[in-house]
N, C-alpha and C. Protein backbone atom coordinates (compact mmCIF):
# COMPACT_ATOMS: atom_id res chain seq x y z
N MET A 1 17.47 15.94 11.36
CA MET A 1 17.37 14.61 12.01
C MET A 1 18.35 13.66 11.32
N LYS A 2 19.33 13.18 12.08
CA LYS A 2 20.39 12.37 11.49
C LYS A 2 19.95 10.95 11.16
N ALA A 3 19.06 10.38 11.94
CA ALA A 3 18.64 9.00 11.70
C ALA A 3 17.16 8.87 12.03
N TYR A 4 16.56 7.84 11.47
CA TYR A 4 15.14 7.55 11.71
C TYR A 4 15.05 6.19 12.40
N PRO A 5 15.40 6.09 13.67
CA PRO A 5 15.46 4.79 14.33
C PRO A 5 14.12 4.07 14.42
N ASN A 6 13.05 4.82 14.62
CA ASN A 6 11.74 4.18 14.75
C ASN A 6 11.26 3.60 13.42
N SER A 7 11.48 4.35 12.33
CA SER A 7 11.12 3.85 11.00
C SER A 7 11.97 2.63 10.64
N ALA A 8 13.26 2.70 10.96
CA ALA A 8 14.15 1.57 10.66
C ALA A 8 13.73 0.33 11.43
N LYS A 9 13.31 0.50 12.67
CA LYS A 9 12.87 -0.65 13.48
C LYS A 9 11.65 -1.32 12.86
N ILE A 10 10.70 -0.52 12.38
CA ILE A 10 9.49 -1.07 11.76
C ILE A 10 9.84 -1.79 10.46
N ALA A 11 10.69 -1.17 9.65
CA ALA A 11 11.08 -1.80 8.39
C ALA A 11 11.84 -3.09 8.62
N ARG A 12 12.74 -3.09 9.59
CA ARG A 12 13.53 -4.28 9.89
C ARG A 12 12.64 -5.42 10.40
N ALA A 13 11.65 -5.08 11.21
CA ALA A 13 10.77 -6.10 11.78
C ALA A 13 9.86 -6.74 10.75
N SER A 14 9.70 -6.10 9.60
CA SER A 14 8.81 -6.64 8.57
C SER A 14 9.43 -7.83 7.82
N TRP A 15 10.74 -8.03 7.98
CA TRP A 15 11.46 -9.11 7.28
C TRP A 15 11.35 -8.98 5.76
N SER A 16 11.24 -7.77 5.29
CA SER A 16 11.16 -7.54 3.85
C SER A 16 12.56 -7.35 3.27
N ASN A 17 12.76 -7.87 2.07
CA ASN A 17 14.04 -7.65 1.38
C ASN A 17 14.25 -6.18 1.05
N PHE A 18 13.15 -5.41 1.00
CA PHE A 18 13.28 -3.99 0.72
C PHE A 18 14.19 -3.31 1.75
N TYR A 19 14.11 -3.74 2.99
CA TYR A 19 14.86 -3.09 4.07
C TYR A 19 16.35 -3.04 3.74
N TRP A 20 16.88 -4.15 3.27
CA TRP A 20 18.32 -4.21 3.01
C TRP A 20 18.70 -3.40 1.78
N SER A 21 17.78 -3.29 0.82
CA SER A 21 18.09 -2.50 -0.38
C SER A 21 18.18 -1.02 -0.05
N PHE A 22 17.52 -0.58 1.01
CA PHE A 22 17.55 0.84 1.36
C PHE A 22 18.95 1.32 1.70
N PHE A 23 19.83 0.41 2.12
CA PHE A 23 21.17 0.82 2.55
C PHE A 23 22.06 1.22 1.38
N PHE A 24 21.61 0.99 0.16
CA PHE A 24 22.37 1.42 -1.01
C PHE A 24 22.09 2.89 -1.35
N LEU A 25 21.15 3.50 -0.64
CA LEU A 25 20.78 4.89 -0.89
C LEU A 25 21.60 5.83 -0.02
N PRO A 26 21.81 7.07 -0.47
CA PRO A 26 22.42 8.08 0.40
C PRO A 26 21.58 8.25 1.67
N ARG A 27 22.19 8.70 2.75
CA ARG A 27 21.53 8.71 4.06
C ARG A 27 20.19 9.43 4.05
N VAL A 28 20.14 10.63 3.46
CA VAL A 28 18.89 11.41 3.51
C VAL A 28 17.77 10.68 2.79
N LYS A 29 18.08 10.12 1.62
CA LYS A 29 17.05 9.39 0.88
C LYS A 29 16.71 8.08 1.58
N ARG A 30 17.70 7.45 2.19
CA ARG A 30 17.44 6.22 2.94
C ARG A 30 16.48 6.51 4.10
N ASN A 31 16.73 7.59 4.82
CA ASN A 31 15.82 7.95 5.89
C ASN A 31 14.41 8.20 5.36
N GLY A 32 14.34 8.91 4.24
CA GLY A 32 13.03 9.22 3.67
C GLY A 32 12.24 7.99 3.29
N ILE A 33 12.90 7.03 2.65
CA ILE A 33 12.17 5.84 2.22
C ILE A 33 11.83 4.94 3.41
N LEU A 34 12.67 4.97 4.45
CA LEU A 34 12.35 4.23 5.67
C LEU A 34 11.07 4.79 6.31
N ALA A 35 10.95 6.11 6.33
CA ALA A 35 9.76 6.73 6.91
C ALA A 35 8.51 6.41 6.11
N ILE A 36 8.62 6.47 4.79
CA ILE A 36 7.46 6.16 3.94
C ILE A 36 7.08 4.68 4.07
N TYR A 37 8.09 3.82 4.13
CA TYR A 37 7.82 2.39 4.29
C TYR A 37 7.13 2.14 5.64
N ALA A 38 7.63 2.77 6.69
CA ALA A 38 7.06 2.57 8.01
C ALA A 38 5.61 3.05 8.06
N PHE A 39 5.35 4.22 7.49
CA PHE A 39 3.98 4.73 7.43
C PHE A 39 3.07 3.75 6.70
N SER A 40 3.52 3.28 5.53
CA SER A 40 2.72 2.36 4.73
C SER A 40 2.46 1.06 5.47
N ARG A 41 3.49 0.53 6.14
CA ARG A 41 3.36 -0.71 6.89
C ARG A 41 2.37 -0.56 8.04
N LEU A 42 2.47 0.55 8.75
CA LEU A 42 1.62 0.76 9.91
C LEU A 42 0.16 0.93 9.54
N VAL A 43 -0.12 1.68 8.48
CA VAL A 43 -1.52 1.88 8.12
C VAL A 43 -2.12 0.59 7.54
N ASP A 44 -1.30 -0.20 6.85
CA ASP A 44 -1.79 -1.49 6.35
C ASP A 44 -2.11 -2.43 7.51
N ASP A 45 -1.21 -2.48 8.48
CA ASP A 45 -1.44 -3.32 9.65
C ASP A 45 -2.64 -2.85 10.47
N ALA A 46 -2.94 -1.54 10.41
CA ALA A 46 -4.08 -1.02 11.16
C ALA A 46 -5.37 -1.69 10.75
N VAL A 47 -5.46 -2.08 9.48
CA VAL A 47 -6.64 -2.79 8.99
C VAL A 47 -6.48 -4.30 9.15
N ASP A 48 -5.35 -4.82 8.72
CA ASP A 48 -5.16 -6.28 8.72
C ASP A 48 -5.15 -6.88 10.12
N GLU A 49 -4.69 -6.14 11.11
CA GLU A 49 -4.56 -6.68 12.45
C GLU A 49 -5.64 -6.20 13.42
N ALA A 50 -6.60 -5.42 12.91
CA ALA A 50 -7.66 -4.92 13.77
C ALA A 50 -8.60 -6.06 14.20
N GLU A 51 -9.17 -5.92 15.39
CA GLU A 51 -10.06 -6.95 15.91
C GLU A 51 -11.33 -7.09 15.08
N ASN A 52 -11.79 -5.98 14.54
CA ASN A 52 -13.01 -5.98 13.73
C ASN A 52 -13.01 -4.74 12.84
N ALA A 53 -14.03 -4.66 11.98
CA ALA A 53 -14.09 -3.54 11.03
C ALA A 53 -14.23 -2.20 11.72
N GLU A 54 -15.00 -2.16 12.80
CA GLU A 54 -15.17 -0.90 13.52
C GLU A 54 -13.84 -0.41 14.09
N LYS A 55 -13.07 -1.32 14.66
CA LYS A 55 -11.77 -0.95 15.20
C LYS A 55 -10.83 -0.50 14.08
N ALA A 56 -10.90 -1.16 12.93
CA ALA A 56 -10.06 -0.77 11.80
C ALA A 56 -10.39 0.64 11.33
N ARG A 57 -11.67 0.97 11.29
CA ARG A 57 -12.08 2.33 10.88
C ARG A 57 -11.56 3.37 11.88
N GLU A 58 -11.59 3.02 13.14
CA GLU A 58 -11.06 3.93 14.16
C GLU A 58 -9.56 4.15 13.95
N GLU A 59 -8.85 3.07 13.58
CA GLU A 59 -7.41 3.18 13.36
C GLU A 59 -7.11 4.07 12.14
N ILE A 60 -7.89 3.91 11.08
CA ILE A 60 -7.68 4.74 9.88
C ILE A 60 -7.95 6.20 10.22
N ALA A 61 -9.02 6.45 10.98
CA ALA A 61 -9.33 7.82 11.39
C ALA A 61 -8.19 8.40 12.23
N LEU A 62 -7.60 7.56 13.07
CA LEU A 62 -6.47 8.00 13.89
C LEU A 62 -5.27 8.37 13.03
N TRP A 63 -5.01 7.58 11.99
CA TRP A 63 -3.88 7.89 11.12
C TRP A 63 -4.14 9.15 10.31
N ARG A 64 -5.38 9.46 10.02
CA ARG A 64 -5.68 10.74 9.35
C ARG A 64 -5.36 11.91 10.29
N ARG A 65 -5.66 11.75 11.57
CA ARG A 65 -5.31 12.80 12.53
C ARG A 65 -3.80 12.91 12.65
N ARG A 66 -3.12 11.78 12.54
CA ARG A 66 -1.66 11.81 12.60
C ARG A 66 -1.06 12.53 11.40
N LEU A 67 -1.69 12.39 10.25
CA LEU A 67 -1.24 13.15 9.09
C LEU A 67 -1.39 14.64 9.34
N ASP A 68 -2.47 15.03 10.02
CA ASP A 68 -2.64 16.43 10.37
C ASP A 68 -1.44 16.94 11.16
N LEU A 69 -0.95 16.10 12.08
CA LEU A 69 0.22 16.49 12.87
C LEU A 69 1.46 16.61 11.99
N CYS A 70 1.63 15.68 11.06
CA CYS A 70 2.83 15.69 10.20
C CYS A 70 2.85 16.89 9.26
N TYR A 71 1.67 17.31 8.81
CA TYR A 71 1.60 18.42 7.86
C TYR A 71 1.22 19.74 8.53
N GLY A 72 1.03 19.70 9.84
CA GLY A 72 0.69 20.93 10.55
C GLY A 72 1.89 21.80 10.81
N LYS A 73 1.60 22.96 11.29
CA LYS A 73 2.67 23.89 11.64
C LYS A 73 2.99 23.71 13.13
N ASN A 74 3.51 24.73 13.75
CA ASN A 74 3.80 24.70 15.19
C ASN A 74 4.78 23.60 15.58
N GLY A 75 5.75 23.31 14.70
CA GLY A 75 6.80 22.39 15.07
C GLY A 75 6.53 20.92 14.82
N GLY A 76 5.38 20.59 14.24
CA GLY A 76 5.10 19.19 13.91
C GLY A 76 4.68 18.38 15.13
N PRO A 77 4.63 17.06 14.99
CA PRO A 77 4.15 16.19 16.08
C PRO A 77 5.10 16.18 17.27
N ARG A 78 4.50 16.15 18.45
CA ARG A 78 5.29 16.12 19.68
C ARG A 78 4.67 15.12 20.65
N GLU A 79 5.50 14.54 21.48
CA GLU A 79 4.98 13.66 22.53
C GLU A 79 4.00 14.46 23.39
N GLY A 80 2.91 13.82 23.72
CA GLY A 80 1.86 14.52 24.44
C GLY A 80 0.68 14.85 23.56
N ASP A 81 0.91 14.93 22.22
CA ASP A 81 -0.22 15.08 21.31
C ASP A 81 -1.12 13.85 21.43
N GLU A 82 -2.41 14.06 21.35
CA GLU A 82 -3.36 12.97 21.54
C GLU A 82 -3.11 11.82 20.58
N ALA A 83 -2.77 12.12 19.34
CA ALA A 83 -2.60 11.08 18.32
C ALA A 83 -1.13 10.73 18.09
N PHE A 84 -0.25 11.10 19.00
CA PHE A 84 1.19 10.91 18.77
C PHE A 84 1.55 9.44 18.59
N HIS A 85 2.50 9.20 17.67
CA HIS A 85 3.11 7.89 17.46
C HIS A 85 4.61 8.15 17.28
N PRO A 86 5.48 7.29 17.80
CA PRO A 86 6.93 7.55 17.73
C PRO A 86 7.47 7.75 16.31
N VAL A 87 6.80 7.22 15.31
CA VAL A 87 7.30 7.35 13.94
C VAL A 87 6.95 8.71 13.33
N LEU A 88 6.02 9.43 13.94
CA LEU A 88 5.52 10.66 13.32
C LEU A 88 6.58 11.75 13.12
N PRO A 89 7.46 12.02 14.08
CA PRO A 89 8.49 13.04 13.82
C PRO A 89 9.35 12.70 12.60
N GLU A 90 9.59 11.43 12.37
CA GLU A 90 10.40 11.02 11.23
C GLU A 90 9.62 11.19 9.93
N VAL A 91 8.34 10.82 9.94
CA VAL A 91 7.50 11.02 8.75
C VAL A 91 7.39 12.52 8.46
N ALA A 92 7.16 13.31 9.50
CA ALA A 92 7.03 14.76 9.32
C ALA A 92 8.31 15.35 8.74
N ASP A 93 9.46 14.89 9.21
CA ASP A 93 10.73 15.38 8.70
C ASP A 93 10.90 15.01 7.23
N ALA A 94 10.50 13.79 6.87
CA ALA A 94 10.64 13.34 5.48
C ALA A 94 9.72 14.12 4.54
N VAL A 95 8.47 14.31 4.94
CA VAL A 95 7.55 15.02 4.04
C VAL A 95 7.98 16.48 3.88
N ARG A 96 8.61 17.05 4.90
CA ARG A 96 9.09 18.42 4.79
C ARG A 96 10.31 18.49 3.87
N ARG A 97 11.28 17.59 4.07
CA ARG A 97 12.51 17.61 3.28
C ARG A 97 12.23 17.39 1.79
N PHE A 98 11.29 16.50 1.49
CA PHE A 98 11.05 16.13 0.10
C PHE A 98 9.79 16.77 -0.47
N GLU A 99 9.20 17.69 0.29
CA GLU A 99 7.98 18.38 -0.15
C GLU A 99 6.96 17.39 -0.68
N MET A 100 6.70 16.38 0.14
CA MET A 100 5.82 15.28 -0.26
C MET A 100 4.36 15.75 -0.27
N PRO A 101 3.68 15.65 -1.40
CA PRO A 101 2.27 16.03 -1.44
C PRO A 101 1.45 15.18 -0.47
N ARG A 102 0.67 15.84 0.35
CA ARG A 102 -0.16 15.11 1.31
C ARG A 102 -1.13 14.17 0.60
N GLN A 103 -1.55 14.54 -0.61
CA GLN A 103 -2.53 13.73 -1.33
C GLN A 103 -2.06 12.30 -1.53
N TYR A 104 -0.75 12.10 -1.71
CA TYR A 104 -0.24 10.75 -1.90
C TYR A 104 -0.51 9.88 -0.67
N LEU A 105 -0.24 10.43 0.51
CA LEU A 105 -0.47 9.67 1.74
C LEU A 105 -1.96 9.51 2.02
N GLU A 106 -2.74 10.53 1.69
CA GLU A 106 -4.19 10.42 1.83
C GLU A 106 -4.75 9.34 0.91
N ASP A 107 -4.25 9.29 -0.32
CA ASP A 107 -4.73 8.29 -1.27
C ASP A 107 -4.37 6.88 -0.82
N LEU A 108 -3.21 6.73 -0.18
CA LEU A 108 -2.84 5.43 0.36
C LEU A 108 -3.82 5.00 1.45
N LEU A 109 -4.20 5.92 2.31
CA LEU A 109 -5.18 5.61 3.35
C LEU A 109 -6.52 5.21 2.75
N ILE A 110 -6.91 5.85 1.67
CA ILE A 110 -8.15 5.48 0.98
C ILE A 110 -8.06 4.04 0.49
N GLY A 111 -6.90 3.65 -0.05
CA GLY A 111 -6.73 2.28 -0.54
C GLY A 111 -6.81 1.26 0.57
N VAL A 112 -6.17 1.55 1.69
CA VAL A 112 -6.24 0.64 2.84
C VAL A 112 -7.68 0.53 3.33
N GLU A 113 -8.38 1.64 3.33
CA GLU A 113 -9.77 1.67 3.78
C GLU A 113 -10.69 0.87 2.84
N MET A 114 -10.33 0.80 1.57
CA MET A 114 -11.14 0.05 0.60
C MET A 114 -11.29 -1.41 1.01
N ASP A 115 -10.27 -1.97 1.66
CA ASP A 115 -10.34 -3.36 2.09
C ASP A 115 -11.39 -3.59 3.16
N LEU A 116 -11.87 -2.51 3.77
CA LEU A 116 -12.92 -2.64 4.78
C LEU A 116 -14.31 -2.72 4.15
N VAL A 117 -14.45 -2.13 2.99
CA VAL A 117 -15.79 -1.99 2.41
C VAL A 117 -15.97 -2.73 1.09
N LYS A 118 -14.88 -3.23 0.52
CA LYS A 118 -14.98 -3.82 -0.81
C LYS A 118 -14.21 -5.14 -0.86
N LYS A 119 -14.92 -6.23 -1.12
CA LYS A 119 -14.29 -7.54 -1.20
C LYS A 119 -14.40 -8.16 -2.58
N ARG A 120 -15.00 -7.45 -3.52
CA ARG A 120 -15.12 -7.91 -4.90
C ARG A 120 -14.89 -6.73 -5.84
N TYR A 121 -14.33 -7.02 -7.01
CA TYR A 121 -14.10 -6.02 -8.04
C TYR A 121 -14.71 -6.54 -9.34
N GLU A 122 -15.68 -5.83 -9.83
CA GLU A 122 -16.42 -6.29 -11.00
C GLU A 122 -15.57 -6.25 -12.27
N THR A 123 -14.80 -5.18 -12.45
CA THR A 123 -14.03 -5.00 -13.68
C THR A 123 -12.56 -4.73 -13.38
N ILE A 124 -11.75 -4.85 -14.42
CA ILE A 124 -10.33 -4.54 -14.26
C ILE A 124 -10.14 -3.05 -13.97
N ALA A 125 -11.03 -2.20 -14.48
CA ALA A 125 -10.93 -0.76 -14.21
C ALA A 125 -11.09 -0.49 -12.72
N GLU A 126 -12.04 -1.18 -12.07
CA GLU A 126 -12.22 -1.03 -10.63
C GLU A 126 -10.97 -1.50 -9.88
N LEU A 127 -10.41 -2.61 -10.32
CA LEU A 127 -9.24 -3.16 -9.65
C LEU A 127 -8.03 -2.25 -9.83
N GLU A 128 -7.90 -1.65 -11.00
CA GLU A 128 -6.78 -0.75 -11.25
C GLU A 128 -6.85 0.49 -10.35
N LYS A 129 -8.06 0.93 -10.04
CA LYS A 129 -8.22 2.05 -9.11
C LYS A 129 -7.67 1.65 -7.73
N TYR A 130 -8.00 0.44 -7.30
CA TYR A 130 -7.48 -0.07 -6.03
C TYR A 130 -5.95 -0.15 -6.09
N CYS A 131 -5.42 -0.66 -7.19
CA CYS A 131 -3.96 -0.79 -7.34
C CYS A 131 -3.28 0.57 -7.23
N TYR A 132 -3.91 1.59 -7.81
CA TYR A 132 -3.32 2.93 -7.68
C TYR A 132 -3.22 3.34 -6.22
N HIS A 133 -4.29 3.14 -5.48
CA HIS A 133 -4.34 3.64 -4.11
C HIS A 133 -3.36 2.90 -3.19
N VAL A 134 -3.20 1.59 -3.37
CA VAL A 134 -2.35 0.85 -2.43
C VAL A 134 -0.92 0.68 -2.92
N ALA A 135 -0.66 0.90 -4.20
CA ALA A 135 0.69 0.67 -4.72
C ALA A 135 1.21 1.83 -5.56
N GLY A 136 0.38 2.36 -6.44
CA GLY A 136 0.82 3.50 -7.26
C GLY A 136 1.22 4.69 -6.42
N THR A 137 0.51 4.90 -5.31
CA THR A 137 0.84 6.01 -4.42
C THR A 137 2.24 5.88 -3.84
N VAL A 138 2.62 4.64 -3.52
CA VAL A 138 3.97 4.41 -2.98
C VAL A 138 5.01 4.74 -4.04
N GLY A 139 4.74 4.37 -5.29
CA GLY A 139 5.64 4.73 -6.37
C GLY A 139 5.78 6.23 -6.54
N LEU A 140 4.68 6.95 -6.41
CA LEU A 140 4.73 8.40 -6.53
C LEU A 140 5.55 9.02 -5.40
N MET A 141 5.42 8.47 -4.20
CA MET A 141 6.22 8.96 -3.08
C MET A 141 7.70 8.69 -3.31
N CYS A 142 8.01 7.52 -3.85
CA CYS A 142 9.41 7.19 -4.17
C CYS A 142 9.97 8.16 -5.22
N ASN A 143 9.15 8.52 -6.19
CA ASN A 143 9.58 9.51 -7.17
C ASN A 143 10.09 10.78 -6.50
N ARG A 144 9.33 11.26 -5.52
CA ARG A 144 9.73 12.48 -4.84
C ARG A 144 11.06 12.29 -4.11
N LEU A 145 11.22 11.11 -3.50
CA LEU A 145 12.46 10.83 -2.79
C LEU A 145 13.66 10.78 -3.73
N PHE A 146 13.45 10.21 -4.91
CA PHE A 146 14.55 10.01 -5.84
C PHE A 146 14.78 11.21 -6.76
N GLY A 147 13.86 12.18 -6.71
CA GLY A 147 14.05 13.38 -7.50
C GLY A 147 13.51 13.31 -8.91
N TYR A 148 12.58 12.38 -9.17
CA TYR A 148 11.97 12.25 -10.49
C TYR A 148 10.48 12.54 -10.35
N ASP A 149 10.05 13.70 -10.82
CA ASP A 149 8.66 14.06 -10.58
C ASP A 149 8.00 14.72 -11.79
N ASP A 150 8.50 14.42 -13.00
CA ASP A 150 7.79 14.92 -14.17
C ASP A 150 6.65 13.97 -14.51
N GLU A 151 5.85 14.34 -15.48
CA GLU A 151 4.64 13.58 -15.77
C GLU A 151 4.94 12.15 -16.23
N SER A 152 5.98 11.98 -17.04
CA SER A 152 6.32 10.64 -17.51
C SER A 152 6.75 9.75 -16.35
N ALA A 153 7.49 10.31 -15.39
CA ALA A 153 7.91 9.54 -14.21
C ALA A 153 6.71 9.18 -13.36
N ARG A 154 5.75 10.09 -13.22
CA ARG A 154 4.56 9.80 -12.43
C ARG A 154 3.75 8.68 -13.06
N GLN A 155 3.59 8.72 -14.37
CA GLN A 155 2.84 7.66 -15.05
C GLN A 155 3.55 6.31 -14.92
N TYR A 156 4.87 6.33 -15.02
CA TYR A 156 5.63 5.09 -14.88
C TYR A 156 5.46 4.51 -13.48
N ALA A 157 5.49 5.37 -12.47
CA ALA A 157 5.33 4.91 -11.09
C ALA A 157 3.97 4.25 -10.88
N ILE A 158 2.94 4.84 -11.47
CA ILE A 158 1.59 4.29 -11.33
C ILE A 158 1.49 2.94 -12.02
N LEU A 159 2.07 2.84 -13.23
CA LEU A 159 2.02 1.58 -13.96
C LEU A 159 2.84 0.50 -13.26
N LEU A 160 4.00 0.87 -12.72
CA LEU A 160 4.82 -0.10 -12.01
C LEU A 160 4.11 -0.58 -10.75
N GLY A 161 3.49 0.34 -10.04
CA GLY A 161 2.72 -0.04 -8.86
C GLY A 161 1.59 -0.99 -9.21
N ARG A 162 0.94 -0.74 -10.33
CA ARG A 162 -0.14 -1.63 -10.78
C ARG A 162 0.40 -3.03 -11.05
N ALA A 163 1.54 -3.12 -11.73
CA ALA A 163 2.12 -4.42 -12.04
C ALA A 163 2.48 -5.17 -10.76
N PHE A 164 3.09 -4.47 -9.81
CA PHE A 164 3.44 -5.09 -8.53
C PHE A 164 2.19 -5.61 -7.81
N GLN A 165 1.15 -4.77 -7.76
CA GLN A 165 -0.04 -5.16 -7.01
C GLN A 165 -0.78 -6.30 -7.68
N LEU A 166 -0.87 -6.29 -9.00
CA LEU A 166 -1.51 -7.40 -9.70
C LEU A 166 -0.75 -8.70 -9.43
N THR A 167 0.58 -8.61 -9.39
CA THR A 167 1.39 -9.79 -9.09
C THR A 167 1.13 -10.27 -7.67
N ASN A 168 1.05 -9.33 -6.71
CA ASN A 168 0.74 -9.71 -5.33
C ASN A 168 -0.62 -10.39 -5.23
N ILE A 169 -1.58 -9.89 -5.98
CA ILE A 169 -2.92 -10.48 -5.96
C ILE A 169 -2.88 -11.92 -6.45
N LEU A 170 -2.12 -12.19 -7.50
CA LEU A 170 -2.00 -13.56 -8.01
C LEU A 170 -1.32 -14.46 -6.99
N ARG A 171 -0.32 -13.94 -6.32
CA ARG A 171 0.40 -14.73 -5.31
C ARG A 171 -0.50 -15.09 -4.14
N ASP A 172 -1.42 -14.20 -3.81
CA ASP A 172 -2.19 -14.35 -2.58
C ASP A 172 -3.64 -14.75 -2.80
N VAL A 173 -3.97 -15.32 -3.95
CA VAL A 173 -5.36 -15.71 -4.22
C VAL A 173 -5.91 -16.58 -3.09
N GLY A 174 -5.17 -17.61 -2.70
CA GLY A 174 -5.62 -18.52 -1.65
C GLY A 174 -5.70 -17.83 -0.30
N LYS A 175 -4.69 -17.06 0.03
CA LYS A 175 -4.66 -16.35 1.32
C LYS A 175 -5.82 -15.37 1.43
N ASP A 176 -6.06 -14.61 0.36
CA ASP A 176 -7.15 -13.64 0.39
C ASP A 176 -8.51 -14.33 0.47
N ALA A 177 -8.65 -15.46 -0.21
CA ALA A 177 -9.92 -16.19 -0.18
C ALA A 177 -10.29 -16.62 1.23
N LYS A 178 -9.29 -16.91 2.05
CA LYS A 178 -9.56 -17.32 3.42
C LYS A 178 -10.18 -16.19 4.24
N THR A 179 -10.00 -14.96 3.80
CA THR A 179 -10.62 -13.81 4.47
C THR A 179 -11.88 -13.37 3.75
N GLY A 180 -12.30 -14.14 2.75
CA GLY A 180 -13.51 -13.80 2.00
C GLY A 180 -13.30 -12.80 0.89
N ARG A 181 -12.04 -12.47 0.59
CA ARG A 181 -11.75 -11.47 -0.44
C ARG A 181 -11.36 -12.13 -1.75
N ILE A 182 -11.91 -11.63 -2.83
CA ILE A 182 -11.51 -12.04 -4.18
C ILE A 182 -11.20 -10.77 -4.96
N TYR A 183 -9.92 -10.60 -5.29
CA TYR A 183 -9.51 -9.41 -6.03
C TYR A 183 -9.58 -9.62 -7.55
N LEU A 184 -9.52 -10.86 -8.01
CA LEU A 184 -9.61 -11.09 -9.44
C LEU A 184 -10.95 -10.57 -9.94
N PRO A 185 -10.97 -9.83 -11.05
CA PRO A 185 -12.22 -9.23 -11.52
C PRO A 185 -13.32 -10.27 -11.76
N CYS A 186 -14.52 -9.97 -11.31
CA CYS A 186 -15.65 -10.88 -11.49
C CYS A 186 -15.91 -11.16 -12.97
N GLU A 187 -15.70 -10.14 -13.81
CA GLU A 187 -15.91 -10.34 -15.24
C GLU A 187 -14.94 -11.39 -15.80
N ASP A 188 -13.74 -11.49 -15.22
CA ASP A 188 -12.78 -12.49 -15.67
C ASP A 188 -13.17 -13.88 -15.19
N LEU A 189 -13.70 -13.97 -13.98
CA LEU A 189 -14.18 -15.26 -13.49
C LEU A 189 -15.26 -15.81 -14.40
N ARG A 190 -16.19 -14.95 -14.79
CA ARG A 190 -17.26 -15.41 -15.69
C ARG A 190 -16.69 -15.80 -17.05
N ARG A 191 -15.74 -15.05 -17.53
CA ARG A 191 -15.16 -15.33 -18.84
C ARG A 191 -14.53 -16.71 -18.90
N PHE A 192 -13.93 -17.14 -17.77
CA PHE A 192 -13.26 -18.44 -17.74
C PHE A 192 -14.05 -19.50 -16.97
N SER A 193 -15.31 -19.20 -16.70
CA SER A 193 -16.22 -20.16 -16.05
C SER A 193 -15.67 -20.66 -14.71
N VAL A 194 -15.15 -19.72 -13.94
CA VAL A 194 -14.66 -20.04 -12.59
C VAL A 194 -15.66 -19.48 -11.58
N GLU A 195 -16.13 -20.32 -10.68
CA GLU A 195 -17.09 -19.90 -9.67
C GLU A 195 -16.36 -19.31 -8.46
N GLU A 196 -17.01 -18.32 -7.84
CA GLU A 196 -16.43 -17.75 -6.63
C GLU A 196 -16.19 -18.81 -5.56
N LYS A 197 -17.12 -19.72 -5.43
CA LYS A 197 -16.98 -20.74 -4.39
C LYS A 197 -15.77 -21.63 -4.61
N ASP A 198 -15.36 -21.79 -5.88
CA ASP A 198 -14.15 -22.58 -6.14
C ASP A 198 -12.92 -21.89 -5.53
N LEU A 199 -12.86 -20.56 -5.67
CA LEU A 199 -11.74 -19.83 -5.09
C LEU A 199 -11.83 -19.84 -3.57
N LEU A 200 -13.01 -19.62 -3.05
CA LEU A 200 -13.18 -19.55 -1.60
C LEU A 200 -12.89 -20.88 -0.92
N GLU A 201 -13.13 -21.98 -1.66
CA GLU A 201 -12.90 -23.31 -1.10
C GLU A 201 -11.58 -23.92 -1.57
N GLY A 202 -10.80 -23.15 -2.32
CA GLY A 202 -9.45 -23.59 -2.69
C GLY A 202 -9.42 -24.70 -3.72
N ARG A 203 -10.42 -24.77 -4.59
CA ARG A 203 -10.45 -25.83 -5.61
C ARG A 203 -9.80 -25.35 -6.91
N SER A 204 -8.93 -26.18 -7.44
CA SER A 204 -8.27 -25.87 -8.71
C SER A 204 -8.97 -26.61 -9.84
N SER A 205 -8.72 -26.14 -11.05
CA SER A 205 -9.33 -26.75 -12.23
C SER A 205 -8.61 -26.22 -13.47
N ASP A 206 -8.91 -26.82 -14.62
CA ASP A 206 -8.33 -26.30 -15.86
C ASP A 206 -8.80 -24.88 -16.11
N SER A 207 -10.05 -24.58 -15.79
CA SER A 207 -10.57 -23.23 -15.98
C SER A 207 -9.83 -22.24 -15.09
N PHE A 208 -9.57 -22.65 -13.85
CA PHE A 208 -8.84 -21.78 -12.93
C PHE A 208 -7.42 -21.51 -13.44
N ARG A 209 -6.77 -22.54 -13.95
CA ARG A 209 -5.40 -22.36 -14.45
C ARG A 209 -5.39 -21.44 -15.68
N ARG A 210 -6.39 -21.54 -16.53
CA ARG A 210 -6.47 -20.64 -17.69
C ARG A 210 -6.71 -19.20 -17.21
N LEU A 211 -7.53 -19.05 -16.20
CA LEU A 211 -7.76 -17.73 -15.63
C LEU A 211 -6.47 -17.14 -15.09
N MET A 212 -5.71 -17.93 -14.36
CA MET A 212 -4.46 -17.44 -13.77
C MET A 212 -3.43 -17.10 -14.84
N ASP A 213 -3.38 -17.89 -15.91
CA ASP A 213 -2.48 -17.58 -17.02
C ASP A 213 -2.84 -16.22 -17.63
N PHE A 214 -4.14 -16.00 -17.78
CA PHE A 214 -4.62 -14.73 -18.34
C PHE A 214 -4.23 -13.56 -17.44
N GLU A 215 -4.44 -13.72 -16.14
CA GLU A 215 -4.13 -12.64 -15.21
C GLU A 215 -2.62 -12.40 -15.12
N ALA A 216 -1.83 -13.46 -15.22
CA ALA A 216 -0.37 -13.31 -15.17
C ALA A 216 0.13 -12.53 -16.40
N GLU A 217 -0.44 -12.83 -17.54
CA GLU A 217 -0.06 -12.11 -18.75
C GLU A 217 -0.45 -10.64 -18.65
N ARG A 218 -1.59 -10.37 -18.04
CA ARG A 218 -2.01 -8.97 -17.85
C ARG A 218 -1.04 -8.24 -16.92
N ALA A 219 -0.64 -8.88 -15.84
CA ALA A 219 0.31 -8.26 -14.92
C ALA A 219 1.64 -7.98 -15.61
N GLU A 220 2.06 -8.91 -16.45
CA GLU A 220 3.33 -8.71 -17.16
C GLU A 220 3.23 -7.55 -18.15
N ARG A 221 2.08 -7.39 -18.79
CA ARG A 221 1.87 -6.30 -19.74
C ARG A 221 1.78 -4.95 -19.03
N ALA A 222 1.31 -4.97 -17.76
CA ALA A 222 1.11 -3.72 -17.03
C ALA A 222 2.42 -2.95 -16.86
């Protein structure tokens, strides 16, 4: 497959700076990362843009069936398959070329699904598990694309994903609160005497600023 037009269209439509950085890669690797980005974007949107939780669960189940097509035999996904999506032939081609472990994509789906059932994280250990599923997995997939797959590279990818996700959480505290989600660990809120209702109602305070300084330092250390 010479080009991945459907994956490129999805990446371009996201208005992410990542899209333009992909052009510095050789064609085969560029195609591969476009496919992984498109898959990640689509499964994330399946939850964020669903009408309700039931519809989101149906979408996640659908994407699991689509993974079956990508990792199945008999020529991979084809138009006419019940769960077909135009991006699937490109994802299937990428996972075959780079021998991408299915577990990485499955773990990403688990992370996206966590947003349906979990809106609070009691400890940093719980939050780090979430960070692995939604961000560390992407780093592991990039490792395969770039040809770095020893244990030290895998650990680095997981840690880098954690740092990125913790940073995203800090950036989106207000946005997430509007959906009723608080990703900052509950144990940290108690430590700095910050009430959940303060976050949900968008109230700032000296305690909140100390909490954010603490979380920012943790993200930098990650």
